[in-house]
Amino acid sequence: MMNLAFVGMGSIGKRHFRNVCACLEQARTPYSVDLYRSGRGGRLDGEISDNIREEFPLGSGVSREYDAVFITNPTSMHYETLRKFAHAAKAAFIEKPVFDTPEAALGALRLPKDGIYYVACPLRYHPVIAYVRQNIRPERICAARAICSSYLPDWRPGTDYRRCYSARRDMGGGADIDLIHEWDYLTWLLGPVETGFSIREQVSALEIDSCDIAAYIARTKRTVIELHLDYFGRKSVRQLQLFLPEDTVMCDLLAGTVCWQASGRSVALDCRRDGYQMAEIRHFFDILEGRCPNDSDIPGALRVLRYARGDFSPTEGNKEGD
């Protein structure tokens, strides 16, 4: 029996919950799930509530020990949630970004040394990004240009965008860290950043106090990176251009295509969202079962968060605290 806890059940929490249940059912692994949440999201539909053993108020203590906790509440609450479950859960799956500040005092969390703390990075499992990783050697990439542009009011149908965490800097919102997946996959493909520059501002008419655009120019050991993130693009775009000596490769994550612009060669891939997010859930359970190492830990996620915040200094590590 696998005992799990979920903290938060917003849109991403519901997606992870369904994928977790499906993954364990496919593996014929018995499981039970407790839910900790504020309740402000209203009643849950039967598909979810029928699979919940017990629901607890968010502010209550942790009543059981768990094999893993899924932390899917707002970013600003991740640190305290992890502290709360540090000795009640053997492992944690933490939705991105890991925290709302890269200056988090990791020592103060007092995490057990044998605990597993995995930070979500689903675009690594996106078929387009996985294809690039497997087929294009990073040393051949002279430059890379990436963009993630979409319209925030369209993100969560039926919800006032001005009230969601993305719109509020104090809850960990902002295009810079909300769209942190791009920095994760870029550095996964191309290596750590050595130097860079950023502009992160609020420039559109959206009624938010978080930044709605983040633009970066950075350099790894071998590659120059340009990255554009925004909340106000009226047509969703998520693309990566790779400049090779003999060709330019256009990677479209929404269309699921990889196209060589000079040679005309192209590849079409199945990029349904549940597919690659389910792949990540399977990977997390593989880590729990000791079949592979944790390749997205908290220190690595904090390094990516520093890049998103425009900090490209070479200093590693975080405040330890007491």
Protein backbone atom coordinates (compact mmCIF):
# COMPACT_ATOMS: atom_id res chain seq x y z
CA MET A 1 0.00 0.00 0.00
CA MET A 2 1.36 3.40 -1.00
CA ASN A 3 0.23 6.19 1.33
CA LEU A 4 0.20 9.61 -0.34
CA ALA A 5 -0.78 13.16 0.56
CA PHE A 6 -1.72 16.05 -1.70
CA VAL A 7 -1.45 19.65 -0.53
CA GLY A 8 -3.60 21.92 -2.70
CA MET A 9 -6.03 20.86 -5.39
CA GLY A 10 -6.11 23.61 -8.00
CA SER A 11 -5.89 22.96 -11.72
CA ILE A 12 -2.35 21.56 -11.68
CA GLY A 13 -3.05 19.58 -8.51
CA LYS A 14 -6.06 17.93 -10.14
CA ARG A 15 -4.00 17.01 -13.21
CA HIS A 16 -1.24 15.48 -11.09
CA PHE A 17 -3.81 13.68 -8.93
CA ARG A 18 -5.49 12.02 -11.91
CA ASN A 19 -2.13 11.03 -13.38
CA VAL A 20 -0.90 9.61 -10.06
CA CYS A 21 -4.05 7.51 -9.66
CA ALA A 22 -3.85 6.29 -13.26
CA CYS A 23 -0.15 5.45 -12.95
CA LEU A 24 -0.59 3.44 -9.76
CA GLU A 25 -3.67 1.67 -11.07
CA GLN A 26 -1.82 0.68 -14.24
CA ALA A 27 0.98 -0.71 -12.07
CA ARG A 28 -1.63 -2.48 -9.87
CA THR A 29 -0.19 -0.74 -6.81
CA PRO A 30 -2.70 -0.25 -3.96
CA TYR A 31 -2.76 3.32 -2.70
CA SER A 32 -4.57 5.80 -0.49
CA VAL A 33 -4.54 9.59 -0.67
CA ASP A 34 -5.18 12.22 1.97
CA LEU A 35 -5.86 15.80 0.91
CA TYR A 36 -4.80 18.95 2.75
CA ARG A 37 -6.36 22.13 1.34
CA SER A 38 -7.88 25.49 2.20
CA GLY A 39 -11.29 24.61 0.77
CA ARG A 40 -11.54 27.92 -1.04
CA GLY A 41 -11.64 26.06 -4.33
CA GLY A 42 -15.11 24.68 -3.57
CA ARG A 43 -16.36 21.12 -3.75
CA LEU A 44 -14.37 18.53 -5.67
CA ASP A 45 -15.94 16.48 -8.43
CA GLY A 46 -16.67 12.83 -7.77
CA GLU A 47 -13.77 11.57 -9.86
CA ILE A 48 -11.41 13.11 -7.33
CA SER A 49 -13.39 13.00 -4.08
CA ASP A 50 -14.12 9.29 -4.50
CA ASN A 51 -10.37 8.61 -4.43
CA ILE A 52 -9.65 10.70 -1.32
CA ARG A 53 -9.35 8.77 1.95
CA GLU A 54 -9.64 11.81 4.19
CA GLU A 55 -9.56 15.58 3.79
CA PHE A 56 -7.89 17.89 6.30
CA PRO A 57 -7.87 21.70 6.66
CA LEU A 58 -4.68 23.22 5.34
CA GLY A 59 -3.70 24.55 8.75
CA SER A 60 -4.07 21.25 10.56
CA GLY A 61 -1.19 19.14 11.72
CA VAL A 62 0.05 16.13 9.77
CA SER A 63 -1.81 13.13 11.15
CA ARG A 64 -0.08 10.26 9.34
CA GLU A 65 3.19 9.20 7.79
CA TYR A 66 3.33 9.14 4.01
CA ASP A 67 5.45 7.57 1.31
CA ALA A 68 5.23 10.84 -0.64
CA VAL A 69 3.57 14.25 -0.49
CA PHE A 70 2.62 16.17 -3.63
CA ILE A 71 3.02 19.91 -2.98
CA THR A 72 0.78 21.67 -5.51
CA ASN A 73 -0.37 24.76 -3.59
CA PRO A 74 0.77 28.32 -4.51
CA THR A 75 4.52 28.81 -4.81
CA SER A 76 4.65 31.16 -1.82
CA MET A 77 3.46 28.29 0.41
CA HIS A 78 5.88 25.59 -0.79
CA TYR A 79 8.61 26.29 1.77
CA GLU A 80 6.37 26.08 4.84
CA THR A 81 4.54 23.07 3.40
CA LEU A 82 7.82 21.22 2.90
CA ARG A 83 8.85 22.11 6.46
CA LYS A 84 5.52 20.78 7.73
CA PHE A 85 5.90 17.42 5.97
CA ALA A 86 9.69 17.08 6.36
CA HIS A 87 9.48 14.25 8.88
CA ALA A 88 6.05 12.92 7.92
CA ALA A 89 6.83 12.04 4.29
CA LYS A 90 9.70 9.99 2.89
CA ALA A 91 9.58 11.91 -0.37
CA ALA A 92 8.09 15.05 -1.92
CA PHE A 93 7.04 15.97 -5.44
CA ILE A 94 7.16 19.79 -5.50
CA GLU A 95 5.41 21.71 -8.24
CA LYS A 96 7.54 24.34 -9.93
CA PRO A 97 8.93 26.80 -9.01
CA VAL A 98 10.36 25.11 -5.94
CA PHE A 99 10.10 28.29 -3.80
CA ASP A 100 9.31 31.96 -4.41
CA THR A 101 12.87 33.02 -3.62
CA PRO A 102 16.26 31.43 -4.35
CA GLU A 103 17.42 32.68 -0.94
CA ALA A 104 15.44 30.01 0.94
CA ALA A 105 17.23 28.70 4.04
CA LEU A 106 17.48 24.99 3.30
CA GLY A 107 19.07 24.11 6.62
CA ALA A 108 16.07 25.47 8.51
CA LEU A 109 13.87 22.88 6.81
CA ARG A 110 15.80 20.09 8.55
CA LEU A 111 15.11 17.67 5.74
CA PRO A 112 16.16 14.06 6.43
CA LYS A 113 19.31 13.19 4.48
CA ASP A 114 17.70 10.05 3.07
CA GLY A 115 14.58 11.90 1.88
CA ILE A 116 13.78 12.31 -1.81
CA TYR A 117 12.80 15.83 -2.90
CA TYR A 118 11.92 16.11 -6.57
CA VAL A 119 10.95 19.37 -8.29
CA ALA A 120 8.61 19.19 -11.29
CA CYS A 121 10.22 19.66 -14.70
CA PRO A 122 7.69 18.15 -17.17
CA LEU A 123 9.06 19.76 -20.34
CA ARG A 124 12.07 17.46 -20.05
CA TYR A 125 9.58 14.72 -20.93
CA HIS A 126 7.95 16.66 -23.75
CA PRO A 127 8.59 14.62 -26.92
CA VAL A 128 10.07 17.62 -28.76
CA ILE A 129 12.57 18.41 -26.00
CA ALA A 130 13.35 14.71 -25.49
CA TYR A 131 13.98 14.38 -29.25
CA VAL A 132 16.41 17.31 -29.21
CA ARG A 133 18.22 15.85 -26.22
CA GLN A 134 18.62 12.49 -27.94
CA ASN A 135 19.46 13.67 -31.47
CA ILE A 136 21.33 16.99 -31.37
CA ARG A 137 24.66 17.17 -29.59
CA PRO A 138 24.83 20.29 -27.38
CA GLU A 139 28.35 21.17 -28.51
CA ARG A 140 27.01 21.72 -32.05
CA ILE A 141 24.51 24.39 -30.93
CA CYS A 142 26.01 27.85 -31.47
CA ALA A 143 22.95 29.76 -30.26
CA ALA A 144 19.42 29.09 -29.04
CA ARG A 145 16.33 31.30 -29.06
CA ALA A 146 13.25 30.30 -27.03
CA ILE A 147 9.84 31.88 -26.51
CA CYS A 148 6.81 31.11 -24.36
CA SER A 149 4.00 33.60 -24.99
CA SER A 150 0.34 33.27 -24.02
CA TYR A 151 -2.59 35.30 -22.70
CA LEU A 152 -2.99 34.99 -18.93
CA PRO A 153 -6.79 35.61 -18.89
CA ASP A 154 -7.18 32.50 -21.07
CA TRP A 155 -5.19 30.20 -18.79
CA ARG A 156 -7.96 29.16 -16.39
CA PRO A 157 -11.43 29.33 -18.02
CA GLY A 158 -14.12 30.47 -15.62
CA THR A 159 -11.61 32.04 -13.22
CA ASP A 160 -10.84 35.76 -12.82
CA TYR A 161 -7.17 35.98 -13.82
CA ARG A 162 -6.70 38.92 -11.46
CA ARG A 163 -7.36 36.66 -8.47
CA CYS A 164 -5.05 33.79 -9.37
CA TYR A 165 -1.55 33.44 -7.96
CA SER A 166 0.03 34.20 -11.36
CA ALA A 167 -1.22 37.79 -11.08
CA ARG A 168 0.26 38.33 -7.62
CA ARG A 169 3.93 38.76 -6.91
CA ASP A 170 3.37 38.05 -3.19
CA MET A 171 2.04 34.57 -4.07
CA GLY A 172 4.95 33.70 -6.36
CA GLY A 173 3.41 34.86 -9.62
CA GLY A 174 5.06 36.57 -12.57
CA ALA A 175 6.11 35.49 -16.04
CA ASP A 176 9.70 35.14 -14.86
CA ILE A 177 9.09 32.31 -12.39
CA ASP A 178 5.66 31.09 -13.48
CA LEU A 179 7.20 30.16 -16.85
CA ILE A 180 10.37 28.75 -15.33
CA HIS A 181 10.09 25.54 -17.38
CA GLU A 182 11.99 27.22 -20.23
CA TRP A 183 15.04 27.87 -18.06
CA ASP A 184 14.90 24.31 -16.79
CA TYR A 185 14.90 22.65 -20.20
CA LEU A 186 17.39 25.12 -21.71
CA THR A 187 19.99 24.42 -19.04
CA TRP A 188 19.16 20.69 -19.12
CA LEU A 189 20.00 20.72 -22.84
CA LEU A 190 22.81 23.27 -22.91
CA GLY A 191 24.41 23.30 -19.46
CA PRO A 192 24.66 25.95 -16.73
CA VAL A 193 24.73 29.66 -17.47
CA GLU A 194 27.99 31.53 -16.98
CA THR A 195 26.79 35.09 -17.56
CA GLY A 196 23.58 36.88 -18.50
CA PHE A 197 21.28 39.89 -18.42
CA SER A 198 17.51 40.22 -17.89
CA ILE A 199 14.59 42.65 -18.16
CA ARG A 200 11.57 41.70 -16.02
CA GLU A 201 8.75 44.24 -15.94
CA GLN A 202 4.99 44.84 -16.05
CA VAL A 203 4.30 46.54 -19.39
CA SER A 204 0.85 45.46 -20.61
CA ALA A 205 -2.69 46.49 -19.66
CA LEU A 206 -3.24 43.34 -17.61
CA GLU A 207 -4.47 44.13 -14.09
CA ILE A 208 -1.71 42.37 -12.19
CA ASP A 209 1.17 43.41 -9.96
CA SER A 210 3.56 40.67 -11.07
CA CYS A 211 5.82 41.05 -14.10
CA ASP A 212 4.17 40.17 -17.40
CA ILE A 213 7.35 40.02 -19.48
CA ALA A 214 10.78 38.59 -18.84
CA ALA A 215 13.49 38.76 -21.48
CA TYR A 216 17.00 37.34 -21.12
CA ILE A 217 20.30 37.15 -22.95
CA ALA A 218 22.71 34.64 -21.45
CA ARG A 219 25.69 32.48 -22.28
CA THR A 220 26.64 28.95 -21.30
CA LYS A 221 30.13 27.58 -21.89
CA ARG A 222 29.35 27.02 -25.59
CA THR A 223 25.99 28.62 -26.44
CA VAL A 224 24.36 32.06 -26.50
CA ILE A 225 20.73 31.96 -25.29
CA GLU A 226 17.89 34.41 -25.97
CA LEU A 227 14.68 33.81 -23.99
CA HIS A 228 11.34 35.65 -24.15
CA LEU A 229 8.51 34.96 -21.66
CA ASP A 230 5.22 36.85 -21.46
CA TYR A 231 1.62 36.78 -20.20
CA PHE A 232 0.08 38.95 -22.94
CA GLY A 233 0.57 37.17 -26.26
CA ARG A 234 -2.88 36.74 -27.77
CA LYS A 235 -1.86 33.62 -29.71
CA SER A 236 0.00 30.99 -27.72
CA VAL A 237 3.56 30.32 -28.88
CA ARG A 238 6.07 27.90 -27.37
CA GLN A 239 9.08 27.41 -29.59
CA LEU A 240 12.80 26.79 -29.54
CA GLN A 241 15.19 27.67 -32.37
CA LEU A 242 18.57 25.98 -32.46
CA PHE A 243 21.31 27.44 -34.65
CA LEU A 244 23.74 24.78 -35.89
CA PRO A 245 26.70 25.32 -38.23
CA GLU A 246 24.87 23.74 -41.19
CA ASP A 247 21.19 24.36 -40.37
CA THR A 248 18.61 26.04 -38.14
CA VAL A 249 16.23 23.73 -36.30
CA MET A 250 12.77 25.03 -35.41
CA CYS A 251 11.16 23.16 -32.52
CA ASP A 252 7.47 23.85 -31.90
CA LEU A 253 6.29 22.43 -28.58
CA LEU A 254 2.61 23.19 -29.22
CA ALA A 255 2.52 21.72 -32.72
CA GLY A 256 4.84 18.84 -31.81
CA THR A 257 7.20 19.38 -34.72
CA VAL A 258 10.96 19.57 -35.25
CA CYS A 259 11.92 21.13 -38.62
CA TRP A 260 15.33 21.66 -40.24
CA GLN A 261 14.89 24.89 -42.18
CA ALA A 262 17.77 24.46 -44.64
CA SER A 263 17.41 20.78 -45.47
CA GLY A 264 13.61 20.69 -45.23
CA ARG A 265 13.59 17.59 -43.04
CA SER A 266 10.84 17.44 -40.39
CA VAL A 267 9.56 15.20 -37.60
CA ALA A 268 6.03 15.16 -36.14
CA LEU A 269 5.54 13.94 -32.56
CA ASP A 270 2.58 13.20 -30.28
CA CYS A 271 2.70 15.99 -27.70
CA ARG A 272 -0.53 15.63 -25.75
CA ARG A 273 0.03 17.20 -22.34
CA ASP A 274 -1.13 14.28 -20.23
CA GLY A 275 1.34 12.05 -22.06
CA TYR A 276 4.50 13.85 -21.00
CA GLN A 277 3.18 14.76 -17.57
CA MET A 278 2.29 11.12 -16.98
CA ALA A 279 5.84 10.22 -18.03
CA GLU A 280 7.16 12.51 -15.30
CA ILE A 281 4.92 10.90 -12.67
CA ARG A 282 6.21 7.47 -13.70
CA HIS A 283 9.75 8.81 -13.44
CA PHE A 284 9.07 10.10 -9.92
CA PHE A 285 7.83 6.68 -8.81
CA ASP A 286 10.91 5.12 -10.41
CA ILE A 287 13.02 7.42 -8.22
CA LEU A 288 11.02 6.36 -5.14
CA GLU A 289 11.57 2.70 -5.97
CA GLY A 290 15.31 3.23 -6.46
CA ARG A 291 15.29 2.45 -10.18
CA CYS A 292 16.96 5.77 -11.09
CA PRO A 293 18.56 8.75 -9.30
CA ASN A 294 16.80 12.00 -8.49
CA ASP A 295 17.74 14.23 -11.43
CA SER A 296 15.74 17.32 -10.37
CA ASP A 297 16.58 18.05 -6.76
CA ILE A 298 16.09 21.22 -4.72
CA PRO A 299 19.63 22.68 -5.20
CA GLY A 300 19.31 22.29 -8.96
CA ALA A 301 15.85 23.86 -8.94
CA LEU A 302 17.14 26.80 -6.90
CA ARG A 303 19.91 27.38 -9.45
CA VAL A 304 17.26 27.55 -12.19
CA LEU A 305 15.18 29.89 -10.01
CA ARG A 306 18.18 32.22 -9.71
CA TYR A 307 18.41 32.40 -13.49
CA ALA A 308 14.69 33.18 -13.71
CA ARG A 309 15.21 35.98 -11.20
CA GLY A 310 18.03 37.38 -13.34
CA ASP A 311 20.85 36.24 -11.05
CA PHE A 312 23.60 34.65 -13.13
CA SER A 313 26.36 34.92 -10.54
CA PRO A 314 28.54 31.80 -10.21
CA THR A 315 27.87 31.43 -6.48
CA GLU A 316 26.40 28.02 -5.65
CA GLY A 317 24.49 26.90 -2.59
CA ASN A 318 21.94 28.58 -0.36
CA LYS A 319 21.68 29.88 3.14
CA GLU A 320 21.77 27.00 5.56
CA GLY A 321 20.01 28.57 8.54
CA ASP A 322 19.63 26.87 11.91
